[in-house]
Amino acid sequence: LELEWIHTSHFGKLCATAGSQFEWAQLWVNYSMSVFKPTRDHPVRQPSEQEASVLSYFTNQDQTTEFIEPLSGIARHPLALRDVRCP
């Protein structure tokens, strides 16, 4: 998801790029919504393999993975352009 934004020029293609990532962005949003408020009784679940493929992460010194939000290219909600009817 984020590699597309950081390794490719998007001049004049912002809407097309964002639109092509809708399915990936939806995975990210659904995972984020499902773990937004962990509690002692319901700790944050690990992402599925498919969800993990669209999330960025840090690898800690002990080799554990800490997932974070990916870059979406527009510094907004990853589905923002869809919601404003980007052509």
Protein backbone atom coordinates (compact mmCIF):
# COMPACT_ATOMS: atom_id res chain seq x y z
CA LEU A 1 0.00 0.00 0.00
CA GLU A 2 2.51 2.60 1.08
CA LEU A 3 5.27 1.48 -1.29
CA GLU A 4 3.10 2.58 -4.19
CA TRP A 5 2.99 6.10 -2.71
CA ILE A 6 6.69 6.44 -1.91
CA HIS A 7 8.26 4.79 -4.97
CA THR A 8 6.11 6.23 -7.78
CA SER A 9 5.28 9.73 -8.97
CA HIS A 10 1.59 10.55 -8.59
CA PHE A 11 1.50 13.91 -10.31
CA GLY A 12 -1.88 14.05 -12.03
CA LYS A 13 -2.73 10.50 -10.85
CA LEU A 14 -3.73 10.99 -7.22
CA CYS A 15 -7.34 9.88 -7.74
CA ALA A 16 -6.37 6.92 -9.90
CA THR A 17 -3.81 5.68 -7.39
CA ALA A 18 -6.14 6.06 -4.43
CA GLY A 19 -8.94 4.35 -6.35
CA SER A 20 -6.74 1.42 -7.27
CA GLN A 21 -6.00 0.84 -3.58
CA PHE A 22 -9.59 0.77 -2.37
CA GLU A 23 -9.60 -2.94 -1.48
CA TRP A 24 -6.30 -2.68 0.42
CA ALA A 25 -7.40 0.48 2.20
CA GLN A 26 -10.64 -1.21 3.24
CA LEU A 27 -8.63 -4.04 4.85
CA TRP A 28 -6.62 -1.47 6.81
CA VAL A 29 -9.73 0.45 7.92
CA ASN A 30 -11.60 -2.68 8.96
CA TYR A 31 -8.65 -3.93 11.01
CA SER A 32 -8.14 -0.52 12.65
CA MET A 33 -11.82 -0.29 13.55
CA SER A 34 -11.79 -3.78 15.05
CA VAL A 35 -8.89 -3.02 17.41
CA PHE A 36 -9.43 0.67 18.14
CA LYS A 37 -10.34 0.32 21.82
CA PRO A 38 -8.65 -2.70 23.37
CA THR A 39 -9.54 -3.54 26.95
CA ARG A 40 -8.03 -5.87 29.50
CA ASP A 41 -10.73 -8.43 28.64
CA HIS A 42 -10.29 -7.97 24.87
CA PRO A 43 -6.67 -7.22 23.97
CA VAL A 44 -5.74 -6.15 20.46
CA ARG A 45 -5.84 -9.10 18.11
CA GLN A 46 -3.07 -9.72 15.64
CA PRO A 47 -3.96 -8.89 12.05
CA SER A 48 -4.74 -11.69 9.63
CA GLU A 49 -2.11 -12.43 7.00
CA GLN A 50 -4.10 -10.40 4.48
CA GLU A 51 -4.51 -7.45 6.88
CA ALA A 52 -0.81 -7.58 7.82
CA SER A 53 0.10 -7.29 4.15
CA VAL A 54 -1.32 -3.73 4.02
CA LEU A 55 -0.09 -2.48 7.39
CA SER A 56 3.29 -0.93 8.10
CA TYR A 57 5.22 -2.18 11.09
CA PHE A 58 8.22 -1.82 13.32
CA THR A 59 10.37 -4.82 14.16
CA ASN A 60 11.50 -4.61 17.76
CA GLN A 61 14.92 -5.71 19.02
CA ASP A 62 13.36 -8.95 20.22
CA GLN A 63 12.09 -9.51 16.64
CA THR A 64 8.43 -8.99 17.58
CA THR A 65 6.34 -6.97 15.15
CA GLU A 66 4.42 -3.84 16.08
CA PHE A 67 1.88 -2.89 13.43
CA ILE A 68 1.21 0.75 12.59
CA GLU A 69 -0.90 2.56 10.02
CA PRO A 70 0.56 2.65 6.51
CA LEU A 71 1.17 5.81 4.57
CA SER A 72 -1.87 6.54 2.46
CA GLY A 73 -0.28 9.13 0.21
CA ILE A 74 -2.62 11.97 1.11
CA ALA A 75 -2.19 12.26 4.89
CA ARG A 76 -5.89 11.65 5.34
CA HIS A 77 -8.23 8.73 5.83
CA PRO A 78 -7.26 6.16 3.18
CA LEU A 79 -10.75 6.28 1.64
CA ALA A 80 -11.05 10.09 1.66
CA LEU A 81 -10.81 10.50 -2.09
CA ARG A 82 -13.50 7.91 -2.70
CA ASP A 83 -15.79 9.67 -0.25
CA VAL A 84 -15.48 13.01 -2.04
CA ARG A 85 -16.19 11.33 -5.38
CA CYS A 86 -12.75 11.75 -6.85
CA PRO A 87 -13.16 11.12 -10.60
